[in-house]
Structures are given as structure tokens and as C-alpha cells.
Amino acid sequence: MAFTPLHDRVLVRRVESDEKTSGGLIIPESAKEKPSEGEVISVGEGARKDSGELIAPAVKAGDKILFGKWSGTEITLDGEELLIMKESDVLGIIG
């Protein structure tokens, strides 16, 4: 894949959620919510301060992250649905 996010943006692949509840009920596809957990695929070089100094990103490729329900913009690259979002939309690293 030849895509590199710019500035403080992050490219994320959603992690699929379970198809069953903890009680064993199967959740139909139409009732599933899109997961708010993902894996970082690629990261931009970071944001810049007003002085021009680079602020390095806190996440890196391979990190498992949690993000807001409505975060990011869905894009399709090489037939795969991915999200691109600002690093500030990332709520935390699962580790």
C-alpha cells in the first residue's frame, strides 16, 4: 500500500468485534455497531508548533488503539476499508 498520512493524521484498520454477547446471543450484522478499536497502519510525521518545531506523534504503526465512535473518515485502499483520523481523535493505546 502506497499511502502515507500527512502531518498529525493516522491510518487505522478497525478490529472486528465479537459476533456473540457474553451471554451467548449471536448479534446479527444489521445490529452490530462499528468497532471503536483498531490497529495503526501508518502515521504522519507529526504536527508543527507555531515556531515550526515538529511535535512527534505518540502512536506508531502496529499500536492497538481506542478511538471515538464518530472519529475519522472512512476510505478504501486496495479494496480494504480503513479510517484516517487526526491523532487527537485517538483516545488511548491498548497495551
PDB file of N, CA and C in Angstrom:
ATOM      1  N   MET A   1       0.845  -1.170   0.000  1.00  0.00           N
ATOM      2  CA  MET A   1       0.000   0.000   0.000  1.00  0.00           C
ATOM      3  C   MET A   1       0.894   1.238   0.000  1.00  0.00           C
ATOM      4  N   ALA A   2       0.631   2.128  -0.897  1.00  0.00           N
ATOM      5  CA  ALA A   2       1.455   3.326  -1.025  1.00  0.00           C
ATOM      6  C   ALA A   2       0.680   4.544  -0.542  1.00  0.00           C
ATOM      7  N   PHE A   3       0.442   4.615   0.764  1.00  0.00           N
ATOM      8  CA  PHE A   3      -0.268   5.752   1.338  1.00  0.00           C
ATOM      9  C   PHE A   3       0.402   6.150   2.637  1.00  0.00           C
ATOM     10  N   THR A   4       0.781   7.409   2.739  1.00  0.00           N
ATOM     11  CA  THR A   4       1.370   7.948   3.963  1.00  0.00           C
ATOM     12  C   THR A   4       0.540   9.145   4.402  1.00  0.00           C
ATOM     13  N   PRO A   5      -0.035   9.107   5.605  1.00  0.00           N
ATOM     14  CA  PRO A   5      -0.796  10.259   6.097  1.00  0.00           C
ATOM     15  C   PRO A   5       0.113  11.471   6.276  1.00  0.00           C
ATOM     16  N   LEU A   6      -0.461  12.638   6.154  1.00  0.00           N
ATOM     17  CA  LEU A   6       0.286  13.876   6.347  1.00  0.00           C
ATOM     18  C   LEU A   6       0.085  14.419   7.762  1.00  0.00           C
ATOM     19  N   HIS A   7       1.060  15.172   8.213  1.00  0.00           N
ATOM     20  CA  HIS A   7       1.019  15.907   9.481  1.00  0.00           C
ATOM     21  C   HIS A   7       0.684  14.993  10.662  1.00  0.00           C
ATOM     22  N   ASP A   8      -0.412  15.284  11.390  1.00  0.00           N
ATOM     23  CA  ASP A   8      -0.739  14.518  12.599  1.00  0.00           C
ATOM     24  C   ASP A   8      -1.878  13.532  12.354  1.00  0.00           C
ATOM     25  N   ARG A   9      -1.956  13.025  11.137  1.00  0.00           N
ATOM     26  CA  ARG A   9      -3.015  12.067  10.812  1.00  0.00           C
ATOM     27  C   ARG A   9      -2.521  10.630  10.951  1.00  0.00           C
ATOM     28  N   VAL A  10      -3.486   9.722  11.190  1.00  0.00           N
ATOM     29  CA  VAL A  10      -3.195   8.321  11.462  1.00  0.00           C
ATOM     30  C   VAL A  10      -4.104   7.461  10.579  1.00  0.00           C
ATOM     31  N   LEU A  11      -3.550   6.436   9.960  1.00  0.00           N
ATOM     32  CA  LEU A  11      -4.321   5.481   9.167  1.00  0.00           C
ATOM     33  C   LEU A  11      -4.581   4.256  10.033  1.00  0.00           C
ATOM     34  N   VAL A  12      -5.863   3.860  10.161  1.00  0.00           N
ATOM     35  CA  VAL A  12      -6.263   2.824  11.116  1.00  0.00           C
ATOM     36  C   VAL A  12      -7.103   1.747  10.424  1.00  0.00           C
ATOM     37  N   ARG A  13      -6.850   0.496  10.805  1.00  0.00           N
ATOM     38  CA  ARG A  13      -7.686  -0.639  10.386  1.00  0.00           C
ATOM     39  C   ARG A  13      -8.527  -1.027  11.588  1.00  0.00           C
ATOM     40  N   ARG A  14      -9.854  -1.053  11.417  1.00  0.00           N
ATOM     41  CA  ARG A  14     -10.741  -1.453  12.511  1.00  0.00           C
ATOM     42  C   ARG A  14     -10.496  -2.908  12.894  1.00  0.00           C
ATOM     43  N   VAL A  15     -10.617  -3.199  14.185  1.00  0.00           N
ATOM     44  CA  VAL A  15     -10.538  -4.565  14.683  1.00  0.00           C
ATOM     45  C   VAL A  15     -11.976  -5.056  14.814  1.00  0.00           C
ATOM     46  N   GLU A  16     -12.279  -6.192  14.226  1.00  0.00           N
ATOM     47  CA  GLU A  16     -13.648  -6.716  14.249  1.00  0.00           C
ATOM     48  C   GLU A  16     -14.056  -7.103  15.663  1.00  0.00           C
ATOM     49  N   SER A  17     -15.313  -6.818  15.998  1.00  0.00           N
ATOM     50  CA  SER A  17     -15.833  -7.148  17.324  1.00  0.00           C
ATOM     51  C   SER A  17     -16.418  -8.567  17.321  1.00  0.00           C
ATOM     52  N   ASP A  18     -16.675  -9.074  18.509  1.00  0.00           N
ATOM     53  CA  ASP A  18     -17.244 -10.412  18.653  1.00  0.00           C
ATOM     54  C   ASP A  18     -18.637 -10.463  18.042  1.00  0.00           C
ATOM     55  N   GLU A  19     -19.013 -11.637  17.547  1.00  0.00           N
ATOM     56  CA  GLU A  19     -20.339 -11.821  16.980  1.00  0.00           C
ATOM     57  C   GLU A  19     -21.328 -12.348  18.002  1.00  0.00           C
ATOM     58  N   LYS A  20     -20.856 -12.613  19.229  1.00  0.00           N
ATOM     59  CA  LYS A  20     -21.728 -13.095  20.303  1.00  0.00           C
ATOM     60  C   LYS A  20     -21.592 -12.183  21.515  1.00  0.00           C
ATOM     61  N   THR A  21     -22.671 -12.083  22.268  1.00  0.00           N
ATOM     62  CA  THR A  21     -22.613 -11.355  23.534  1.00  0.00           C
ATOM     63  C   THR A  21     -22.006 -12.258  24.589  1.00  0.00           C
ATOM     64  N   SER A  22     -21.738 -11.717  25.767  1.00  0.00           N
ATOM     65  CA  SER A  22     -21.178 -12.533  26.848  1.00  0.00           C
ATOM     66  C   SER A  22     -22.164 -13.606  27.290  1.00  0.00           C
ATOM     67  N   GLY A  23     -23.463 -13.400  27.044  1.00  0.00           N
ATOM     68  CA  GLY A  23     -24.482 -14.389  27.388  1.00  0.00           C
ATOM     69  C   GLY A  23     -24.681 -15.445  26.315  1.00  0.00           C
ATOM     70  N   GLY A  24     -23.976 -15.318  25.177  1.00  0.00           N
ATOM     71  CA  GLY A  24     -24.047 -16.318  24.117  1.00  0.00           C
ATOM     72  C   GLY A  24     -24.997 -15.983  22.990  1.00  0.00           C
ATOM     73  N   LEU A  25     -25.648 -14.810  23.020  1.00  0.00           N
ATOM     74  CA  LEU A  25     -26.543 -14.420  21.934  1.00  0.00           C
ATOM     75  C   LEU A  25     -25.732 -13.980  20.723  1.00  0.00           C
ATOM     76  N   ILE A  26     -26.166 -14.412  19.554  1.00  0.00           N
ATOM     77  CA  ILE A  26     -25.493 -14.023  18.309  1.00  0.00           C
ATOM     78  C   ILE A  26     -26.049 -12.685  17.859  1.00  0.00           C
ATOM     79  N   ILE A  27     -25.160 -11.746  17.566  1.00  0.00           N
ATOM     80  CA  ILE A  27     -25.553 -10.409  17.139  1.00  0.00           C
ATOM     81  C   ILE A  27     -25.631 -10.395  15.613  1.00  0.00           C
ATOM     82  N   PRO A  28     -26.808 -10.084  15.039  1.00  0.00           N
ATOM     83  CA  PRO A  28     -26.897 -10.029  13.578  1.00  0.00           C
ATOM     84  C   PRO A  28     -26.108  -8.849  13.018  1.00  0.00           C
ATOM     85  N   GLU A  29     -25.665  -8.983  11.787  1.00  0.00           N
ATOM     86  CA  GLU A  29     -24.848  -7.952  11.135  1.00  0.00           C
ATOM     87  C   GLU A  29     -25.534  -6.586  11.150  1.00  0.00           C
ATOM     88  N   SER A  30     -26.853  -6.566  10.983  1.00  0.00           N
ATOM     89  CA  SER A  30     -27.592  -5.300  10.925  1.00  0.00           C
ATOM     90  C   SER A  30     -27.639  -4.581  12.269  1.00  0.00           C
ATOM     91  N   ALA A  31     -27.423  -5.295  13.373  1.00  0.00           N
ATOM     92  CA  ALA A  31     -27.496  -4.688  14.699  1.00  0.00           C
ATOM     93  C   ALA A  31     -26.126  -4.356  15.280  1.00  0.00           C
ATOM     94  N   LYS A  32     -25.074  -4.762  14.586  1.00  0.00           N
ATOM     95  CA  LYS A  32     -23.722  -4.515  15.101  1.00  0.00           C
ATOM     96  C   LYS A  32     -23.345  -3.052  14.969  1.00  0.00           C
ATOM     97  N   GLU A  33     -22.653  -2.561  15.978  1.00  0.00           N
ATOM     98  CA  GLU A  33     -22.053  -1.237  15.880  1.00  0.00           C
ATOM     99  C   GLU A  33     -20.647  -1.395  15.342  1.00  0.00           C
ATOM    100  N   LYS A  34     -20.185  -0.395  14.620  1.00  0.00           N
ATOM    101  CA  LYS A  34     -18.813  -0.462  14.131  1.00  0.00           C
ATOM    102  C   LYS A  34     -17.874  -0.363  15.328  1.00  0.00           C
ATOM    103  N   PRO A  35     -16.840  -1.175  15.335  1.00  0.00           N
ATOM    104  CA  PRO A  35     -15.937  -1.165  16.492  1.00  0.00           C
ATOM    105  C   PRO A  35     -15.173   0.150  16.613  1.00  0.00           C
ATOM    106  N   SER A  36     -14.870   0.520  17.851  1.00  0.00           N
ATOM    107  CA  SER A  36     -14.100   1.731  18.092  1.00  0.00           C
ATOM    108  C   SER A  36     -12.687   1.365  18.530  1.00  0.00           C
ATOM    109  N   GLU A  37     -12.248   0.210  18.088  1.00  0.00           N
ATOM    110  CA  GLU A  37     -10.909  -0.269  18.389  1.00  0.00           C
ATOM    111  C   GLU A  37     -10.239  -0.580  17.056  1.00  0.00           C
ATOM    112  N   GLY A  38      -8.940  -0.292  16.965  1.00  0.00           N
ATOM    113  CA  GLY A  38      -8.263  -0.543  15.705  1.00  0.00           C
ATOM    114  C   GLY A  38      -6.769  -0.692  15.864  1.00  0.00           C
ATOM    115  N   GLU A  39      -6.128  -0.954  14.729  1.00  0.00           N
ATOM    116  CA  GLU A  39      -4.677  -1.086  14.678  1.00  0.00           C
ATOM    117  C   GLU A  39      -4.134   0.009  13.769  1.00  0.00           C
ATOM    118  N   VAL A  40      -3.118   0.701  14.245  1.00  0.00           N
ATOM    119  CA  VAL A  40      -2.497   1.771  13.459  1.00  0.00           C
ATOM    120  C   VAL A  40      -1.689   1.147  12.322  1.00  0.00           C
ATOM    121  N   ILE A  41      -1.966   1.578  11.106  1.00  0.00           N
ATOM    122  CA  ILE A  41      -1.268   1.081   9.924  1.00  0.00           C
ATOM    123  C   ILE A  41      -0.106   2.011   9.566  1.00  0.00           C
ATOM    124  N   SER A  42      -0.378   3.306   9.614  1.00  0.00           N
ATOM    125  CA  SER A  42       0.628   4.292   9.219  1.00  0.00           C
ATOM    126  C   SER A  42       0.371   5.602   9.957  1.00  0.00           C
ATOM    127  N   VAL A  43       1.435   6.366  10.191  1.00  0.00           N
ATOM    128  CA  VAL A  43       1.346   7.627  10.936  1.00  0.00           C
ATOM    129  C   VAL A  43       2.100   8.706  10.175  1.00  0.00           C
ATOM    130  N   GLY A  44       1.553   9.924  10.185  1.00  0.00           N
ATOM    131  CA  GLY A  44       2.240  11.064   9.587  1.00  0.00           C
ATOM    132  C   GLY A  44       3.436  11.486  10.432  1.00  0.00           C
ATOM    133  N   GLU A  45       4.158  12.482   9.955  1.00  0.00           N
ATOM    134  CA  GLU A  45       5.378  12.916  10.652  1.00  0.00           C
ATOM    135  C   GLU A  45       5.101  13.676  11.937  1.00  0.00           C
ATOM    136  N   GLY A  46       3.876  14.156  12.126  1.00  0.00           N
ATOM    137  CA  GLY A  46       3.510  14.881  13.337  1.00  0.00           C
ATOM    138  C   GLY A  46       3.077  16.302  13.044  1.00  0.00           C
ATOM    139  N   ALA A  47       2.507  16.933  14.046  1.00  0.00           N
ATOM    140  CA  ALA A  47       2.054  18.322  13.927  1.00  0.00           C
ATOM    141  C   ALA A  47       3.243  19.264  14.117  1.00  0.00           C
ATOM    142  N   ARG A  48       3.019  20.514  13.804  1.00  0.00           N
ATOM    143  CA  ARG A  48       4.065  21.520  13.993  1.00  0.00           C
ATOM    144  C   ARG A  48       3.548  22.630  14.896  1.00  0.00           C
ATOM    145  N   LYS A  49       4.416  23.101  15.786  1.00  0.00           N
ATOM    146  CA  LYS A  49       4.107  24.262  16.618  1.00  0.00           C
ATOM    147  C   LYS A  49       4.161  25.505  15.741  1.00  0.00           C
ATOM    148  N   ASP A  50       3.697  26.626  16.281  1.00  0.00           N
ATOM    149  CA  ASP A  50       3.753  27.886  15.538  1.00  0.00           C
ATOM    150  C   ASP A  50       5.179  28.261  15.165  1.00  0.00           C
ATOM    151  N   SER A  51       6.132  27.821  15.982  1.00  0.00           N
ATOM    152  CA  SER A  51       7.540  28.127  15.719  1.00  0.00           C
ATOM    153  C   SER A  51       8.125  27.243  14.614  1.00  0.00           C
ATOM    154  N   GLY A  52       7.339  26.234  14.181  1.00  0.00           N
ATOM    155  CA  GLY A  52       7.827  25.324  13.148  1.00  0.00           C
ATOM    156  C   GLY A  52       8.425  24.042  13.699  1.00  0.00           C
ATOM    157  N   GLU A  53       8.567  23.964  15.013  1.00  0.00           N
ATOM    158  CA  GLU A  53       9.131  22.769  15.645  1.00  0.00           C
ATOM    159  C   GLU A  53       8.156  21.592  15.510  1.00  0.00           C
ATOM    160  N   LEU A  54       8.683  20.432  15.173  1.00  0.00           N
ATOM    161  CA  LEU A  54       7.879  19.238  14.969  1.00  0.00           C
ATOM    162  C   LEU A  54       7.491  18.596  16.299  1.00  0.00           C
ATOM    163  N   ILE A  55       6.217  18.228  16.436  1.00  0.00           N
ATOM    164  CA  ILE A  55       5.730  17.504  17.605  1.00  0.00           C
ATOM    165  C   ILE A  55       5.562  16.052  17.160  1.00  0.00           C
ATOM    166  N   ALA A  56       6.400  15.169  17.666  1.00  0.00           N
ATOM    167  CA  ALA A  56       6.372  13.761  17.258  1.00  0.00           C
ATOM    168  C   ALA A  56       5.065  13.096  17.688  1.00  0.00           C
ATOM    169  N   PRO A  57       4.511  12.213  16.853  1.00  0.00           N
ATOM    170  CA  PRO A  57       3.270  11.527  17.228  1.00  0.00           C
ATOM    171  C   PRO A  57       3.481  10.560  18.396  1.00  0.00           C
ATOM    172  N   ALA A  58       2.428  10.370  19.193  1.00  0.00           N
ATOM    173  CA  ALA A  58       2.500   9.473  20.343  1.00  0.00           C
ATOM    174  C   ALA A  58       2.198   8.027  19.966  1.00  0.00           C
ATOM    175  N   VAL A  59       1.582   7.816  18.792  1.00  0.00           N
ATOM    176  CA  VAL A  59       1.278   6.457  18.339  1.00  0.00           C
ATOM    177  C   VAL A  59       2.216   6.079  17.203  1.00  0.00           C
ATOM    178  N   LYS A  60       2.354   4.759  16.986  1.00  0.00           N
ATOM    179  CA  LYS A  60       3.205   4.276  15.906  1.00  0.00           C
ATOM    180  C   LYS A  60       2.510   3.113  15.211  1.00  0.00           C
ATOM    181  N   ALA A  61       2.965   2.750  14.044  1.00  0.00           N
ATOM    182  CA  ALA A  61       2.394   1.627  13.307  1.00  0.00           C
ATOM    183  C   ALA A  61       2.451   0.374  14.166  1.00  0.00           C
ATOM    184  N   GLY A  62       1.351  -0.369  14.195  1.00  0.00           N
ATOM    185  CA  GLY A  62       1.273  -1.593  14.983  1.00  0.00           C
ATOM    186  C   GLY A  62       0.577  -1.427  16.320  1.00  0.00           C
ATOM    187  N   ASP A  63       0.418  -0.184  16.799  1.00  0.00           N
ATOM    188  CA  ASP A  63      -0.265   0.051  18.077  1.00  0.00           C
ATOM    189  C   ASP A  63      -1.745  -0.300  17.959  1.00  0.00           C
ATOM    190  N   LYS A  64      -2.299  -0.904  19.019  1.00  0.00           N
ATOM    191  CA  LYS A  64      -3.746  -1.129  19.128  1.00  0.00           C
ATOM    192  C   LYS A  64      -4.303   0.088  19.853  1.00  0.00           C
ATOM    193  N   ILE A  65      -5.321   0.716  19.259  1.00  0.00           N
ATOM    194  CA  ILE A  65      -5.835   1.962  19.821  1.00  0.00           C
ATOM    195  C   ILE A  65      -7.343   1.902  20.027  1.00  0.00           C
ATOM    196  N   LEU A  66      -7.827   2.841  20.823  1.00  0.00           N
ATOM    197  CA  LEU A  66      -9.243   3.055  21.036  1.00  0.00           C
ATOM    198  C   LEU A  66      -9.536   4.460  20.543  1.00  0.00           C
ATOM    199  N   PHE A  67     -10.622   4.619  19.780  1.00  0.00           N
ATOM    200  CA  PHE A  67     -10.965   5.938  19.243  1.00  0.00           C
ATOM    201  C   PHE A  67     -12.457   6.178  19.391  1.00  0.00           C
ATOM    202  N   GLY A  68     -12.865   7.436  19.243  1.00  0.00           N
ATOM    203  CA  GLY A  68     -14.260   7.819  19.394  1.00  0.00           C
ATOM    204  C   GLY A  68     -15.153   7.178  18.347  1.00  0.00           C
ATOM    205  N   LYS A  69     -16.413   7.001  18.699  1.00  0.00           N
ATOM    206  CA  LYS A  69     -17.387   6.334  17.837  1.00  0.00           C
ATOM    207  C   LYS A  69     -17.521   7.002  16.470  1.00  0.00           C
ATOM    208  N   TRP A  70     -17.460   8.306  16.408  1.00  0.00           N
ATOM    209  CA  TRP A  70     -17.658   9.035  15.152  1.00  0.00           C
ATOM    210  C   TRP A  70     -16.351   9.602  14.609  1.00  0.00           C
ATOM    211  N   SER A  71     -15.235   9.099  15.061  1.00  0.00           N
ATOM    212  CA  SER A  71     -13.923   9.616  14.650  1.00  0.00           C
ATOM    213  C   SER A  71     -13.540   9.148  13.254  1.00  0.00           C
ATOM    214  N   GLY A  72     -12.815   9.995  12.569  1.00  0.00           N
ATOM    215  CA  GLY A  72     -12.195   9.610  11.312  1.00  0.00           C
ATOM    216  C   GLY A  72     -13.081   9.668  10.093  1.00  0.00           C
ATOM    217  N   THR A  73     -12.435   9.472   8.974  1.00  0.00           N
ATOM    218  CA  THR A  73     -13.079   9.432   7.669  1.00  0.00           C
ATOM    219  C   THR A  73     -12.793   8.080   7.050  1.00  0.00           C
ATOM    220  N   GLU A  74     -13.844   7.397   6.612  1.00  0.00           N
ATOM    221  CA  GLU A  74     -13.664   6.083   6.005  1.00  0.00           C
ATOM    222  C   GLU A  74     -13.136   6.236   4.586  1.00  0.00           C
ATOM    223  N   ILE A  75     -12.117   5.452   4.260  1.00  0.00           N
ATOM    224  CA  ILE A  75     -11.554   5.427   2.913  1.00  0.00           C
ATOM    225  C   ILE A  75     -11.348   3.969   2.510  1.00  0.00           C
ATOM    226  N   THR A  76     -11.225   3.737   1.218  1.00  0.00           N
ATOM    227  CA  THR A  76     -10.948   2.391   0.724  1.00  0.00           C
ATOM    228  C   THR A  76      -9.630   2.425  -0.026  1.00  0.00           C
ATOM    229  N   LEU A  77      -8.682   1.610   0.422  1.00  0.00           N
ATOM    230  CA  LEU A  77      -7.378   1.485  -0.233  1.00  0.00           C
ATOM    231  C   LEU A  77      -7.150   0.022  -0.558  1.00  0.00           C
ATOM    232  N   ASP A  78      -6.834  -0.266  -1.796  1.00  0.00           N
ATOM    233  CA  ASP A  78      -6.583  -1.644  -2.239  1.00  0.00           C
ATOM    234  C   ASP A  78      -7.725  -2.577  -1.838  1.00  0.00           C
ATOM    235  N   GLY A  79      -8.971  -2.088  -1.910  1.00  0.00           N
ATOM    236  CA  GLY A  79     -10.136  -2.898  -1.591  1.00  0.00           C
ATOM    237  C   GLY A  79     -10.404  -3.093  -0.114  1.00  0.00           C
ATOM    238  N   GLU A  80      -9.635  -2.459   0.753  1.00  0.00           N
ATOM    239  CA  GLU A  80      -9.802  -2.594   2.200  1.00  0.00           C
ATOM    240  C   GLU A  80     -10.328  -1.284   2.780  1.00  0.00           C
ATOM    241  N   GLU A  81     -11.358  -1.397   3.647  1.00  0.00           N
ATOM    242  CA  GLU A  81     -11.911  -0.202   4.281  1.00  0.00           C
ATOM    243  C   GLU A  81     -11.062   0.175   5.484  1.00  0.00           C
ATOM    244  N   LEU A  82     -10.570   1.412   5.488  1.00  0.00           N
ATOM    245  CA  LEU A  82      -9.713   1.921   6.560  1.00  0.00           C
ATOM    246  C   LEU A  82     -10.255   3.255   7.038  1.00  0.00           C
ATOM    247  N   LEU A  83      -9.710   3.751   8.123  1.00  0.00           N
ATOM    248  CA  LEU A  83     -10.059   5.068   8.648  1.00  0.00           C
ATOM    249  C   LEU A  83      -8.825   5.947   8.657  1.00  0.00           C
ATOM    250  N   ILE A  84      -9.015   7.214   8.342  1.00  0.00           N
ATOM    251  CA  ILE A  84      -7.942   8.181   8.529  1.00  0.00           C
ATOM    252  C   ILE A  84      -8.477   9.232   9.494  1.00  0.00           C
ATOM    253  N   MET A  85      -7.696   9.502  10.539  1.00  0.00           N
ATOM    254  CA  MET A  85      -8.145  10.431  11.576  1.00  0.00           C
ATOM    255  C   MET A  85      -6.974  11.235  12.115  1.00  0.00           C
ATOM    256  N   LYS A  86      -7.293  12.317  12.788  1.00  0.00           N
ATOM    257  CA  LYS A  86      -6.257  13.092  13.460  1.00  0.00           C
ATOM    258  C   LYS A  86      -5.813  12.339  14.700  1.00  0.00           C
ATOM    259  N   GLU A  87      -4.581  12.516  15.069  1.00  0.00           N
ATOM    260  CA  GLU A  87      -4.058  11.826  16.253  1.00  0.00           C
ATOM    261  C   GLU A  87      -4.859  12.212  17.500  1.00  0.00           C
ATOM    262  N   SER A  88      -5.397  13.403  17.537  1.00  0.00           N
ATOM    263  CA  SER A  88      -6.183  13.843  18.699  1.00  0.00           C
ATOM    264  C   SER A  88      -7.489  13.068  18.840  1.00  0.00           C
ATOM    265  N   ASP A  89      -7.944  12.359  17.779  1.00  0.00           N
ATOM    266  CA  ASP A  89      -9.141  11.523  17.859  1.00  0.00           C
ATOM    267  C   ASP A  89      -8.862  10.197  18.559  1.00  0.00           C
ATOM    268  N   VAL A  90      -7.588   9.860  18.720  1.00  0.00           N
ATOM    269  CA  VAL A  90      -7.204   8.616  19.399  1.00  0.00           C
ATOM    270  C   VAL A  90      -7.349   8.838  20.901  1.00  0.00           C
ATOM    271  N   LEU A  91      -8.143   7.972  21.546  1.00  0.00           N
ATOM    272  CA  LEU A  91      -8.405   8.118  22.982  1.00  0.00           C
ATOM    273  C   LEU A  91      -7.307   7.484  23.821  1.00  0.00           C
ATOM    274  N   GLY A  92      -6.676   6.426  23.298  1.00  0.00           N
ATOM    275  CA  GLY A  92      -5.620   5.775  24.057  1.00  0.00           C
ATOM    276  C   GLY A  92      -5.066   4.570  23.329  1.00  0.00           C
ATOM    277  N   ILE A  93      -3.942   4.077  23.839  1.00  0.00           N
ATOM    278  CA  ILE A  93      -3.276   2.904  23.291  1.00  0.00           C
ATOM    279  C   ILE A  93      -3.604   1.720  24.204  1.00  0.00           C
ATOM    280  N   ILE A  94      -4.052   0.617  23.607  1.00  0.00           N
ATOM    281  CA  ILE A  94      -4.369  -0.587  24.363  1.00  0.00           C
ATOM    282  C   ILE A  94      -3.101  -1.408  24.455  1.00  0.00           C
ATOM    283  N   GLY A  95      -2.677  -1.706  25.657  1.00  0.00           N
ATOM    284  CA  GLY A  95      -1.406  -2.333  25.688  1.00  0.00           C
ATOM    285  C   GLY A  95      -1.114  -3.369  26.647  1.00  0.00           C
TER     286      GLY A  95
END
